[in-house]
N, C-alpha and C. Protein backbone atom coordinates (compact mmCIF):
# COMPACT_ATOMS: atom_id res chain seq x y z
N UNK A 1 27.04 -20.31 27.14
CA UNK A 1 26.26 -19.26 27.86
C UNK A 1 26.36 -17.90 27.75
N UNK A 2 25.72 -16.99 27.65
CA UNK A 2 25.86 -15.64 27.70
C UNK A 2 26.32 -15.13 29.18
N UNK A 3 27.23 -14.40 29.28
CA UNK A 3 27.56 -13.77 30.69
C UNK A 3 26.51 -12.61 31.19
N UNK A 4 26.05 -12.70 32.20
CA UNK A 4 25.16 -11.48 32.68
C UNK A 4 26.09 -10.43 33.21
N UNK A 5 25.91 -9.27 32.97
CA UNK A 5 26.39 -8.06 33.28
C UNK A 5 25.73 -7.22 34.20
N UNK A 6 26.40 -6.66 35.10
CA UNK A 6 25.71 -5.64 36.30
C UNK A 6 25.64 -4.29 35.68
N UNK A 7 24.20 -4.00 35.37
CA UNK A 7 24.29 -2.73 34.80
C UNK A 7 22.98 -1.81 35.89
N UNK A 8 23.31 -0.68 36.31
CA UNK A 8 22.34 -0.06 37.23
C UNK A 8 21.09 0.31 36.45
N UNK A 9 19.85 0.06 37.10
CA UNK A 9 18.52 0.53 36.70
C UNK A 9 18.59 1.67 35.54
N UNK A 10 19.28 2.95 36.19
CA UNK A 10 19.04 4.14 35.49
C UNK A 10 19.73 4.03 34.30
N UNK A 11 20.98 2.89 34.12
CA UNK A 11 21.64 2.99 32.90
C UNK A 11 21.01 1.94 31.89
N UNK A 12 20.15 1.10 32.09
CA UNK A 12 19.83 0.31 31.26
C UNK A 12 19.25 0.75 29.92
N UNK A 13 18.35 1.53 29.97
CA UNK A 13 18.00 2.24 28.79
C UNK A 13 19.09 2.92 27.76
N UNK A 14 19.83 3.50 28.60
CA UNK A 14 21.06 4.30 27.91
C UNK A 14 21.93 3.07 27.14
N UNK A 15 22.21 2.04 27.90
CA UNK A 15 23.12 0.92 27.35
C UNK A 15 22.40 0.39 26.26
N UNK A 16 21.02 -0.06 26.42
CA UNK A 16 20.22 -0.71 25.16
C UNK A 16 20.29 0.16 24.10
N UNK A 17 20.22 1.54 24.04
CA UNK A 17 20.21 2.21 22.84
C UNK A 17 21.70 2.30 22.21
N UNK A 18 22.67 2.16 23.11
CA UNK A 18 24.00 1.99 22.49
C UNK A 18 24.14 0.75 21.84
N UNK A 19 23.67 -0.38 22.25
CA UNK A 19 23.66 -1.53 21.46
C UNK A 19 22.89 -1.73 20.22
N UNK A 20 21.72 -0.79 20.43
CA UNK A 20 20.93 -0.98 19.07
C UNK A 20 21.60 -0.09 18.05
N UNK A 21 22.15 1.17 18.61
CA UNK A 21 23.12 2.03 17.47
C UNK A 21 24.07 1.14 16.83
N UNK A 22 24.98 0.53 17.79
CA UNK A 22 25.99 -0.52 17.25
C UNK A 22 25.52 -1.43 16.26
N UNK A 23 24.53 -2.23 16.74
CA UNK A 23 24.03 -3.37 15.85
C UNK A 23 23.56 -2.67 14.53
N UNK A 24 22.87 -1.45 14.53
CA UNK A 24 22.48 -0.95 13.19
C UNK A 24 23.45 -0.60 12.28
N UNK A 25 24.65 -0.12 12.92
CA UNK A 25 25.77 0.17 12.41
C UNK A 25 26.43 -1.04 11.55
N UNK A 26 26.47 -2.29 12.50
CA UNK A 26 26.94 -3.47 12.08
C UNK A 26 26.37 -4.05 10.84
N UNK A 27 24.94 -3.62 10.92
CA UNK A 27 23.88 -4.39 9.66
C UNK A 27 24.15 -3.11 8.52
N UNK A 28 25.06 -2.28 8.66
CA UNK A 28 25.08 -1.03 7.48
C UNK A 28 23.62 -0.39 7.48
N UNK A 29 22.90 -0.09 8.28
CA UNK A 29 21.78 0.54 8.30
C UNK A 29 21.83 1.89 8.67
N UNK A 30 21.69 2.74 7.84
CA UNK A 30 21.72 4.26 8.22
C UNK A 30 20.29 4.91 8.17
N UNK A 31 20.01 5.46 9.33
CA UNK A 31 18.59 5.95 9.33
C UNK A 31 18.66 7.20 9.20
N UNK A 32 17.30 7.91 8.67
CA UNK A 32 17.20 9.22 8.52
C UNK A 32 17.17 9.89 9.98
N UNK A 33 17.75 11.14 9.94
CA UNK A 33 17.99 11.73 11.07
C UNK A 33 16.56 11.91 12.00
N UNK A 34 15.53 12.48 11.03
CA UNK A 34 14.21 12.64 11.48
C UNK A 34 13.61 11.49 12.23
N UNK A 35 13.83 10.38 11.52
CA UNK A 35 13.15 8.94 11.96
C UNK A 35 13.88 8.34 12.95
N UNK A 36 15.28 8.72 13.17
CA UNK A 36 15.89 7.77 14.01
C UNK A 36 15.40 7.42 15.26
N UNK A 37 14.99 8.29 16.26
CA UNK A 37 14.58 7.81 17.39
C UNK A 37 13.37 7.30 17.54
N UNK A 38 12.55 7.47 16.66
CA UNK A 38 11.20 6.53 16.46
C UNK A 38 11.67 5.07 16.17
N UNK A 39 12.39 4.94 15.28
CA UNK A 39 12.73 3.38 14.79
C UNK A 39 13.49 2.75 15.87
N UNK A 40 14.45 3.58 16.68
CA UNK A 40 15.40 2.97 17.75
C UNK A 40 14.28 2.57 18.66
N UNK A 41 13.41 3.51 18.96
CA UNK A 41 12.66 3.09 20.24
C UNK A 41 11.69 1.90 20.07
N UNK A 42 11.26 1.97 18.71
CA UNK A 42 10.50 0.57 18.19
C UNK A 42 11.29 -0.67 18.50
N UNK A 43 12.54 -0.55 18.08
CA UNK A 43 13.50 -1.64 18.15
C UNK A 43 13.63 -1.89 19.66
N UNK A 44 13.76 -0.97 20.51
CA UNK A 44 14.17 -1.00 21.90
C UNK A 44 12.89 -1.78 22.47
N UNK A 45 11.73 -1.53 21.99
CA UNK A 45 10.48 -2.16 22.77
C UNK A 45 10.17 -3.46 22.20
N UNK A 46 10.89 -3.83 21.18
CA UNK A 46 10.43 -5.08 20.26
C UNK A 46 11.54 -5.93 20.17
N UNK A 47 12.86 -5.62 20.29
CA UNK A 47 13.97 -6.41 19.79
C UNK A 47 14.01 -7.03 18.56
N UNK A 48 13.26 -5.98 17.65
CA UNK A 48 13.21 -6.62 16.29
C UNK A 48 13.76 -5.55 15.14
N UNK A 49 14.84 -5.87 14.71
CA UNK A 49 15.57 -4.88 13.85
C UNK A 49 15.01 -4.82 12.62
N UNK A 50 14.09 -5.79 12.24
CA UNK A 50 13.30 -5.55 10.83
C UNK A 50 12.48 -4.23 10.77
N UNK A 51 12.18 -3.64 12.07
CA UNK A 51 11.43 -2.57 11.94
C UNK A 51 12.26 -1.16 11.17
N UNK A 52 13.47 -1.42 11.34
CA UNK A 52 14.44 -0.45 10.62
C UNK A 52 13.99 -0.42 8.91
N UNK A 53 13.46 -1.41 8.34
CA UNK A 53 13.23 -1.60 7.14
C UNK A 53 11.76 -1.52 6.63
N UNK A 54 10.73 -1.65 7.71
CA UNK A 54 9.34 -1.72 7.39
C UNK A 54 8.72 -0.40 7.84
N UNK A 55 9.17 0.27 8.93
CA UNK A 55 8.44 1.47 9.23
C UNK A 55 8.72 2.44 7.99
N UNK A 56 7.52 3.07 7.89
CA UNK A 56 7.05 4.03 6.69
C UNK A 56 6.55 5.33 7.13
N UNK A 57 7.08 6.44 6.66
CA UNK A 57 6.94 7.75 7.07
C UNK A 57 6.36 8.49 5.96
N UNK A 58 5.13 9.32 6.18
CA UNK A 58 4.96 10.15 5.11
C UNK A 58 5.82 11.56 5.22
N UNK A 59 5.74 12.42 4.34
CA UNK A 59 6.68 13.59 4.35
C UNK A 59 6.80 14.22 5.73
N UNK A 60 8.03 14.46 6.36
CA UNK A 60 8.14 15.33 7.66
C UNK A 60 7.28 14.63 8.55
N UNK A 61 6.95 13.55 8.42
CA UNK A 61 5.98 13.01 9.69
C UNK A 61 6.27 13.32 10.94
N UNK A 62 7.59 13.06 11.25
CA UNK A 62 7.76 13.28 12.76
C UNK A 62 7.80 14.79 13.44
N UNK A 63 8.46 15.63 12.52
CA UNK A 63 8.21 17.03 12.86
C UNK A 63 6.81 17.43 12.82
N UNK A 64 5.82 17.08 11.81
CA UNK A 64 4.48 17.37 12.04
C UNK A 64 3.69 16.68 13.26
N UNK A 65 4.23 15.59 13.55
CA UNK A 65 3.57 15.03 14.80
C UNK A 65 4.03 15.73 16.07
N UNK A 66 5.34 16.24 16.03
CA UNK A 66 5.77 17.18 17.29
C UNK A 66 5.03 18.49 17.23
N UNK A 67 4.92 19.06 16.19
CA UNK A 67 3.85 20.37 16.07
C UNK A 67 2.80 20.22 16.60
N UNK A 68 2.01 18.97 16.15
CA UNK A 68 0.73 18.89 16.84
C UNK A 68 0.62 18.65 18.41
N UNK A 69 1.68 17.90 18.81
CA UNK A 69 1.81 17.96 20.42
C UNK A 69 1.85 19.18 20.93
N UNK A 70 2.79 19.89 20.18
CA UNK A 70 2.95 21.35 20.78
C UNK A 70 2.01 22.14 21.12
N UNK A 71 0.91 21.85 20.11
CA UNK A 71 -0.38 22.83 20.00
C UNK A 71 -1.39 22.09 20.55
N UNK A 72 -1.17 21.09 21.49
CA UNK A 72 -2.03 20.63 22.45
C UNK A 72 -3.10 19.48 21.77
N UNK A 73 -2.67 18.57 20.95
CA UNK A 73 -3.12 17.65 20.20
C UNK A 73 -3.40 16.48 21.26
N UNK A 74 -4.49 15.80 21.16
CA UNK A 74 -4.97 14.62 22.12
C UNK A 74 -4.57 13.31 21.04
N UNK A 75 -4.20 12.29 21.93
CA UNK A 75 -3.88 11.11 21.27
C UNK A 75 -5.05 10.24 21.64
N UNK A 76 -5.40 9.37 20.41
CA UNK A 76 -6.64 8.42 20.57
C UNK A 76 -6.04 7.04 20.52
N UNK A 77 -6.09 5.93 21.29
CA UNK A 77 -5.63 4.76 21.07
C UNK A 77 -6.71 3.89 21.05
N UNK A 78 -6.33 2.51 20.48
CA UNK A 78 -7.41 1.36 20.16
C UNK A 78 -7.19 0.38 21.32
N UNK A 79 -6.46 0.58 22.11
CA UNK A 79 -6.39 -0.37 23.30
C UNK A 79 -5.89 0.44 24.95
N UNK A 80 -6.38 -0.17 25.77
CA UNK A 80 -5.95 0.40 27.14
C UNK A 80 -4.56 0.19 27.43
N UNK A 81 -3.99 -0.84 26.76
CA UNK A 81 -2.46 -1.11 26.89
C UNK A 81 -1.76 -0.18 26.38
N UNK A 82 -2.06 0.27 25.15
CA UNK A 82 -1.32 1.45 24.42
C UNK A 82 -1.67 2.70 25.32
N UNK A 83 -2.69 3.01 25.76
CA UNK A 83 -3.00 4.08 26.59
C UNK A 83 -2.27 4.07 27.76
N UNK A 84 -1.89 3.20 28.33
CA UNK A 84 -1.20 2.97 29.61
C UNK A 84 0.54 3.38 29.32
N UNK A 85 0.64 3.04 28.13
CA UNK A 85 2.07 2.94 27.78
C UNK A 85 2.58 4.46 27.38
N UNK A 86 1.87 5.25 27.14
CA UNK A 86 1.89 6.62 26.69
C UNK A 86 2.41 7.45 27.84
N UNK A 87 3.48 8.34 27.68
CA UNK A 87 3.64 9.27 28.70
C UNK A 87 2.94 10.32 28.79
N UNK A 88 1.94 10.05 29.73
CA UNK A 88 0.60 11.44 29.63
C UNK A 88 1.19 12.60 30.27
N UNK A 89 2.13 12.44 31.20
CA UNK A 89 2.74 13.61 31.92
C UNK A 89 3.26 14.66 30.92
N UNK A 90 4.04 14.07 29.88
CA UNK A 90 4.56 14.97 28.88
C UNK A 90 3.58 15.61 28.17
N UNK A 91 2.66 14.44 27.61
CA UNK A 91 1.69 15.11 26.78
C UNK A 91 0.83 16.14 27.37
N UNK A 92 0.47 15.99 28.64
CA UNK A 92 -0.50 16.97 29.58
C UNK A 92 0.42 18.49 29.55
N UNK A 93 1.75 18.19 29.68
CA UNK A 93 2.19 19.40 29.66
C UNK A 93 2.35 20.26 28.48
N UNK A 94 1.83 19.80 27.60
CA UNK A 94 1.65 20.52 26.17
C UNK A 94 0.06 20.77 26.05
N UNK A 95 -0.73 20.60 27.21
CA UNK A 95 -2.14 20.53 27.17
C UNK A 95 -2.96 19.61 26.30
N UNK A 96 -2.49 18.38 26.09
CA UNK A 96 -2.98 17.25 25.52
C UNK A 96 -3.50 16.22 26.48
N UNK A 97 -4.17 15.43 26.22
CA UNK A 97 -4.56 14.33 26.70
C UNK A 97 -4.84 12.92 25.87
N UNK A 98 -4.64 11.76 26.72
CA UNK A 98 -4.59 10.52 25.90
C UNK A 98 -6.05 9.83 26.14
N UNK A 99 -6.64 9.18 25.11
CA UNK A 99 -8.06 8.55 25.50
C UNK A 99 -8.24 7.18 24.86
N UNK A 100 -8.73 6.34 25.37
CA UNK A 100 -9.27 5.03 24.83
C UNK A 100 -10.75 4.86 25.13
N UNK A 101 -11.77 4.62 24.01
CA UNK A 101 -12.92 4.26 24.30
C UNK A 101 -13.35 3.09 24.21
N UNK A 102 -12.40 2.08 24.16
CA UNK A 102 -12.76 0.68 24.03
C UNK A 102 -13.48 0.03 25.20
N UNK A 103 -13.33 0.49 26.54
CA UNK A 103 -14.02 -0.42 27.66
C UNK A 103 -15.24 0.38 27.89
N UNK A 104 -15.53 1.63 27.26
CA UNK A 104 -16.83 2.29 27.61
C UNK A 104 -18.17 1.62 27.43
N UNK A 105 -19.10 1.58 28.04
CA UNK A 105 -20.35 0.82 27.82
C UNK A 105 -20.96 1.24 26.47
N UNK A 106 -20.98 2.70 26.23
CA UNK A 106 -21.64 3.11 25.12
C UNK A 106 -21.05 2.75 23.64
N UNK A 107 -19.69 2.27 24.05
CA UNK A 107 -18.88 1.91 22.89
C UNK A 107 -19.38 0.50 22.37
N UNK A 108 -19.49 -0.33 23.59
CA UNK A 108 -19.92 -1.72 23.26
C UNK A 108 -21.45 -1.56 22.81
N UNK A 109 -22.37 -0.90 23.34
CA UNK A 109 -23.81 -0.69 22.87
C UNK A 109 -24.00 -0.29 21.42
N UNK A 110 -23.10 0.56 21.08
CA UNK A 110 -23.06 1.26 19.72
C UNK A 110 -22.50 0.19 18.75
N UNK A 111 -21.50 -0.73 19.10
CA UNK A 111 -21.12 -1.61 18.31
C UNK A 111 -22.07 -2.81 18.04
N UNK A 112 -22.70 -3.19 19.02
CA UNK A 112 -23.75 -4.21 18.92
C UNK A 112 -24.93 -3.65 18.11
N UNK A 113 -25.45 -2.43 18.29
CA UNK A 113 -26.56 -1.76 17.55
C UNK A 113 -26.27 -1.68 15.93
N UNK A 114 -24.99 -1.15 15.73
CA UNK A 114 -24.51 -1.19 14.35
C UNK A 114 -23.93 -2.22 13.65
N UNK A 115 -23.71 -3.58 14.64
CA UNK A 115 -23.16 -4.59 13.94
C UNK A 115 -21.76 -4.30 13.37
N UNK A 116 -20.95 -3.80 14.34
CA UNK A 116 -19.47 -3.44 13.98
C UNK A 116 -18.74 -3.74 15.12
N UNK A 117 -17.47 -3.16 15.02
CA UNK A 117 -16.38 -3.59 16.26
C UNK A 117 -16.27 -2.31 17.10
N UNK A 118 -15.85 -2.80 18.24
CA UNK A 118 -15.75 -1.59 19.15
C UNK A 118 -14.64 -0.53 18.75
N UNK A 119 -13.65 -1.00 18.17
CA UNK A 119 -12.60 -0.19 17.60
C UNK A 119 -13.18 0.83 16.66
N UNK A 120 -14.09 0.22 15.85
CA UNK A 120 -14.57 1.17 14.70
C UNK A 120 -15.39 2.31 15.36
N UNK A 121 -16.24 1.88 16.26
CA UNK A 121 -17.06 2.97 16.96
C UNK A 121 -16.06 3.87 17.99
N UNK A 122 -15.02 3.48 18.43
CA UNK A 122 -14.01 4.24 19.10
C UNK A 122 -13.56 5.34 18.36
N UNK A 123 -13.38 5.04 17.01
CA UNK A 123 -12.95 6.06 16.14
C UNK A 123 -13.89 7.12 15.77
N UNK A 124 -15.07 6.87 15.89
CA UNK A 124 -16.29 7.81 15.74
C UNK A 124 -16.45 8.40 16.91
N UNK A 125 -16.41 7.94 18.04
CA UNK A 125 -16.55 8.69 19.44
C UNK A 125 -15.12 9.58 19.45
N UNK A 126 -14.21 9.24 18.93
CA UNK A 126 -13.01 10.23 19.04
C UNK A 126 -13.33 11.44 18.44
N UNK A 127 -14.16 11.57 17.47
CA UNK A 127 -14.44 12.71 16.47
C UNK A 127 -15.28 13.74 17.43
N UNK A 128 -15.75 13.42 18.77
CA UNK A 128 -16.29 14.39 19.74
C UNK A 128 -15.30 15.20 20.59
N UNK A 129 -14.18 14.73 20.46
CA UNK A 129 -13.19 15.34 21.30
C UNK A 129 -12.94 16.92 20.87
N UNK A 130 -13.06 17.33 19.63
CA UNK A 130 -12.97 18.47 19.08
C UNK A 130 -11.67 19.15 19.33
N UNK A 131 -10.35 18.38 19.38
CA UNK A 131 -9.24 18.77 19.45
C UNK A 131 -8.35 18.33 18.14
N UNK A 132 -7.34 18.87 17.87
CA UNK A 132 -6.56 18.14 17.03
C UNK A 132 -6.14 16.67 17.60
N UNK A 133 -6.22 15.64 16.62
CA UNK A 133 -6.33 14.20 16.85
C UNK A 133 -4.96 13.38 16.41
N UNK A 134 -4.36 12.64 17.25
CA UNK A 134 -3.44 11.76 16.78
C UNK A 134 -3.85 10.46 17.10
N UNK A 135 -4.15 9.46 15.99
CA UNK A 135 -4.61 8.26 16.32
C UNK A 135 -3.46 7.22 16.46
N UNK A 136 -3.36 6.40 17.41
CA UNK A 136 -2.11 5.53 17.51
C UNK A 136 -2.95 4.13 17.86
N UNK A 137 -2.99 3.32 16.52
CA UNK A 137 -3.44 2.32 16.34
C UNK A 137 -2.51 1.04 16.47
N UNK A 138 -2.58 0.04 17.38
CA UNK A 138 -1.66 -0.93 17.51
C UNK A 138 -2.29 -2.27 17.45
N UNK A 139 -3.55 -2.34 17.55
CA UNK A 139 -4.04 -3.77 17.34
C UNK A 139 -5.25 -4.02 16.43
N UNK A 140 -6.00 -3.09 16.25
CA UNK A 140 -7.34 -3.31 15.28
C UNK A 140 -7.32 -2.69 14.13
N UNK A 141 -7.11 -3.66 13.17
CA UNK A 141 -7.18 -3.11 11.62
C UNK A 141 -8.52 -2.24 11.07
N UNK A 142 -9.59 -2.87 12.15
CA UNK A 142 -10.92 -2.25 11.61
C UNK A 142 -11.06 -0.72 12.15
N UNK A 143 -10.11 -0.31 13.00
CA UNK A 143 -10.00 1.09 13.51
C UNK A 143 -9.38 1.81 12.30
N UNK A 144 -8.43 1.14 11.55
CA UNK A 144 -7.89 1.88 10.35
C UNK A 144 -8.76 2.08 9.28
N UNK A 145 -9.46 0.93 9.28
CA UNK A 145 -10.41 0.88 7.89
C UNK A 145 -11.61 2.05 8.35
N UNK A 146 -11.93 2.17 9.68
CA UNK A 146 -13.08 3.12 9.85
C UNK A 146 -12.44 4.54 9.52
N UNK A 147 -11.31 4.59 10.03
CA UNK A 147 -10.68 6.11 9.85
C UNK A 147 -10.60 6.25 8.45
N UNK A 148 -10.28 5.30 7.45
CA UNK A 148 -10.27 5.56 6.05
C UNK A 148 -11.69 6.12 5.48
N UNK A 149 -12.47 5.23 5.99
CA UNK A 149 -13.91 5.63 5.40
C UNK A 149 -14.37 7.10 5.99
N UNK A 150 -13.85 7.42 7.19
CA UNK A 150 -14.35 8.63 7.74
C UNK A 150 -13.40 9.79 6.80
N UNK A 151 -12.38 9.45 6.39
CA UNK A 151 -11.47 10.39 5.53
C UNK A 151 -12.02 10.68 4.19
N UNK A 152 -12.51 9.43 3.78
CA UNK A 152 -13.15 9.59 2.41
C UNK A 152 -14.55 10.22 2.45
N UNK A 153 -15.35 10.15 3.32
CA UNK A 153 -16.62 10.99 3.54
C UNK A 153 -16.47 12.24 4.10
N UNK A 154 -15.33 12.48 4.63
CA UNK A 154 -15.00 13.71 5.20
C UNK A 154 -15.48 14.03 6.44
N UNK A 155 -16.05 12.68 7.02
CA UNK A 155 -16.67 12.78 8.37
C UNK A 155 -15.73 13.32 9.47
N UNK A 156 -14.57 12.76 9.38
CA UNK A 156 -13.30 13.31 9.93
C UNK A 156 -12.07 13.11 9.43
N UNK A 157 -11.39 14.16 9.57
CA UNK A 157 -10.00 14.07 8.86
C UNK A 157 -8.94 14.20 10.08
N UNK A 158 -8.41 13.07 10.38
CA UNK A 158 -7.39 12.86 11.63
C UNK A 158 -6.04 14.06 11.30
N UNK A 159 -5.57 14.51 12.09
CA UNK A 159 -4.34 15.24 11.89
C UNK A 159 -3.17 14.24 11.71
N UNK A 160 -3.36 13.19 12.27
CA UNK A 160 -2.22 12.33 12.21
C UNK A 160 -2.54 10.77 12.50
N UNK A 161 -1.91 9.69 11.92
CA UNK A 161 -2.21 8.47 12.09
C UNK A 161 -0.89 7.68 12.23
N UNK A 162 -0.97 6.99 13.50
CA UNK A 162 -0.02 5.97 13.54
C UNK A 162 -0.64 4.52 13.37
N UNK A 163 -0.21 3.92 12.29
CA UNK A 163 -0.90 2.68 11.93
C UNK A 163 0.04 1.40 12.30
N UNK A 164 -0.19 0.78 13.35
CA UNK A 164 0.85 -0.31 13.36
C UNK A 164 0.04 -1.63 14.14
N UNK A 165 -1.23 -1.96 13.66
CA UNK A 165 -1.68 -3.01 14.30
C UNK A 165 -1.07 -4.23 13.90
N UNK A 166 -1.03 -5.37 14.67
CA UNK A 166 -0.34 -6.58 14.53
C UNK A 166 -1.55 -7.66 14.31
N UNK A 167 -1.16 -8.75 13.34
CA UNK A 167 -1.90 -9.70 13.12
C UNK A 167 -1.82 -10.31 11.71
N UNK A 168 -3.03 -11.02 11.47
CA UNK A 168 -2.89 -11.69 10.15
C UNK A 168 -4.17 -11.34 9.40
N UNK A 169 -5.22 -10.86 9.75
CA UNK A 169 -6.53 -10.77 9.23
C UNK A 169 -6.82 -9.31 8.98
N UNK A 170 -6.59 -8.81 7.61
CA UNK A 170 -6.83 -7.43 7.28
C UNK A 170 -5.92 -6.51 7.60
N UNK A 171 -4.61 -6.91 8.44
CA UNK A 171 -3.81 -5.94 8.89
C UNK A 171 -3.21 -5.31 7.63
N UNK A 172 -2.61 -5.99 6.79
CA UNK A 172 -1.64 -5.39 5.65
C UNK A 172 -2.63 -4.51 4.92
N UNK A 173 -3.85 -4.81 4.14
CA UNK A 173 -4.46 -3.92 3.52
C UNK A 173 -5.09 -2.75 4.28
N UNK A 174 -5.39 -2.81 5.48
CA UNK A 174 -5.88 -1.77 6.41
C UNK A 174 -4.69 -0.68 6.43
N UNK A 175 -3.51 -1.02 6.54
CA UNK A 175 -2.22 -0.33 6.57
C UNK A 175 -2.21 0.50 5.35
N UNK A 176 -2.19 -0.27 4.22
CA UNK A 176 -2.14 0.14 2.96
C UNK A 176 -2.99 1.48 2.72
N UNK A 177 -4.23 1.18 3.15
CA UNK A 177 -5.23 2.12 3.01
C UNK A 177 -4.86 3.54 3.45
N UNK A 178 -4.28 3.47 4.65
CA UNK A 178 -3.97 4.75 5.52
C UNK A 178 -2.80 5.44 4.67
N UNK A 179 -1.77 4.43 4.10
CA UNK A 179 -0.64 4.96 3.39
C UNK A 179 -1.08 5.68 2.09
N UNK A 180 -2.40 5.45 1.62
CA UNK A 180 -2.98 5.91 0.36
C UNK A 180 -3.49 7.41 0.50
N UNK A 181 -3.75 7.58 1.79
CA UNK A 181 -4.28 8.99 2.02
C UNK A 181 -3.35 10.05 2.08
N UNK A 182 -3.72 11.25 2.26
CA UNK A 182 -2.81 12.30 2.34
C UNK A 182 -2.65 12.59 3.78
N UNK A 183 -3.36 12.04 4.66
CA UNK A 183 -3.10 12.25 6.16
C UNK A 183 -1.64 11.93 6.70
N UNK A 184 -0.93 12.96 7.34
CA UNK A 184 0.31 12.59 7.73
C UNK A 184 0.32 11.13 8.54
N UNK A 185 1.38 10.35 8.42
CA UNK A 185 1.22 9.19 9.25
C UNK A 185 2.71 8.48 9.45
N UNK A 186 2.65 7.52 10.19
CA UNK A 186 3.65 6.63 10.57
C UNK A 186 3.02 5.22 10.59
N UNK A 187 3.42 4.38 9.67
CA UNK A 187 2.94 3.05 9.37
C UNK A 187 3.89 1.88 9.31
N UNK A 188 3.59 0.80 9.94
CA UNK A 188 4.51 -0.14 9.92
C UNK A 188 4.03 -1.28 8.78
N UNK A 189 4.68 -1.24 7.76
CA UNK A 189 4.38 -2.27 6.52
C UNK A 189 4.37 -3.74 7.13
N UNK A 190 3.44 -4.49 6.64
CA UNK A 190 3.46 -5.83 7.02
C UNK A 190 2.69 -6.30 8.08
N UNK A 191 2.75 -7.44 8.71
CA UNK A 191 1.89 -7.97 9.83
C UNK A 191 2.48 -7.24 11.28
N UNK A 192 3.63 -7.00 11.22
CA UNK A 192 3.93 -6.76 12.76
C UNK A 192 3.61 -5.45 13.16
N UNK A 193 3.48 -5.30 14.67
CA UNK A 193 3.14 -3.84 14.99
C UNK A 193 2.63 -4.32 16.60
N UNK A 194 1.76 -3.62 17.06
CA UNK A 194 1.24 -4.01 18.40
C UNK A 194 1.06 -2.74 19.33
N UNK A 195 0.41 -2.82 20.58
CA UNK A 195 0.13 -1.75 21.31
C UNK A 195 1.32 -1.04 22.01
N UNK A 196 2.35 -2.13 22.18
CA UNK A 196 3.70 -1.54 22.65
C UNK A 196 4.31 -0.71 21.79
N UNK A 197 4.27 -1.10 20.30
CA UNK A 197 4.89 -0.27 19.29
C UNK A 197 4.30 1.08 19.19
N UNK A 198 2.90 1.05 18.92
CA UNK A 198 2.10 2.39 19.12
C UNK A 198 2.47 3.35 20.30
N UNK A 199 2.59 2.70 21.30
CA UNK A 199 2.97 3.33 22.50
C UNK A 199 4.50 4.09 22.32
N UNK A 200 5.22 3.08 21.82
CA UNK A 200 6.74 3.53 21.59
C UNK A 200 6.80 4.55 20.79
N UNK A 201 5.91 4.62 19.70
CA UNK A 201 6.14 5.72 18.59
C UNK A 201 5.61 6.89 19.10
N UNK A 202 4.65 6.98 20.05
CA UNK A 202 4.05 8.01 20.60
C UNK A 202 5.12 8.55 21.57
N UNK A 203 5.77 7.84 22.52
CA UNK A 203 6.66 8.35 23.31
C UNK A 203 8.08 8.83 22.69
N UNK A 204 8.41 8.22 21.72
CA UNK A 204 9.61 8.96 20.93
C UNK A 204 9.39 10.32 20.52
N UNK A 205 8.15 10.51 20.03
CA UNK A 205 8.06 11.78 19.56
C UNK A 205 7.62 12.73 20.85
N UNK A 206 7.19 12.23 22.01
CA UNK A 206 7.10 13.05 22.91
C UNK A 206 8.30 13.42 23.75
N UNK A 207 9.27 12.48 23.99
CA UNK A 207 10.46 12.53 24.33
C UNK A 207 11.42 13.58 23.77
N UNK A 208 11.33 13.44 22.39
CA UNK A 208 12.14 14.42 21.45
C UNK A 208 11.73 15.95 22.01
N UNK A 209 10.53 16.12 22.23
CA UNK A 209 10.32 17.55 22.59
C UNK A 209 10.57 17.97 24.00
N UNK A 210 11.17 17.13 24.94
CA UNK A 210 11.56 17.62 26.04
C UNK A 210 13.11 17.11 26.34
N UNK A 211 13.72 16.75 25.26
CA UNK A 211 15.33 16.48 25.51
C UNK A 211 15.91 17.62 25.79
């Protein structure tokens, strides 16, 4: 049985990142400097080192996301869980806000009328915000598919997409659609992801801005 160690609450995160860094080194995994804190924070929230291999970044993705936040970008999530996990205080300090339209009455109404999902409708409602938009998708592949359709028809060109839905149905091809676009993105290839991962990526970017 492993021995418990006493760690002060304020030291737990620091200690966790030290362990992650050591284990990455033991696995001979060298992360790119720009991507390092995003991947480490995802591993921190999931305890899954496979993300070091599957996280995919478009050119200069992290720097572009940070620039968007500095300029007051808003973040749109596909779950209230991801919304709750994002550090909104830091985001608001740069003039941005975080949104999730999934639980709104009009979302359900439009989804029923149009025979589509609330996640897809939420992407359409986000276009009304009228600000630079970072989409953080951790649950619904239909949200990514709708974003792709809107990009193709030029209905909405997102400024950035974090595409990390988890699951088995349409998850992989939906992620591949986003990776085929020219929109700056961070996508996790394969089935893994989740709302916690989407929030972790957002927070990694936000924390980098206030270090």
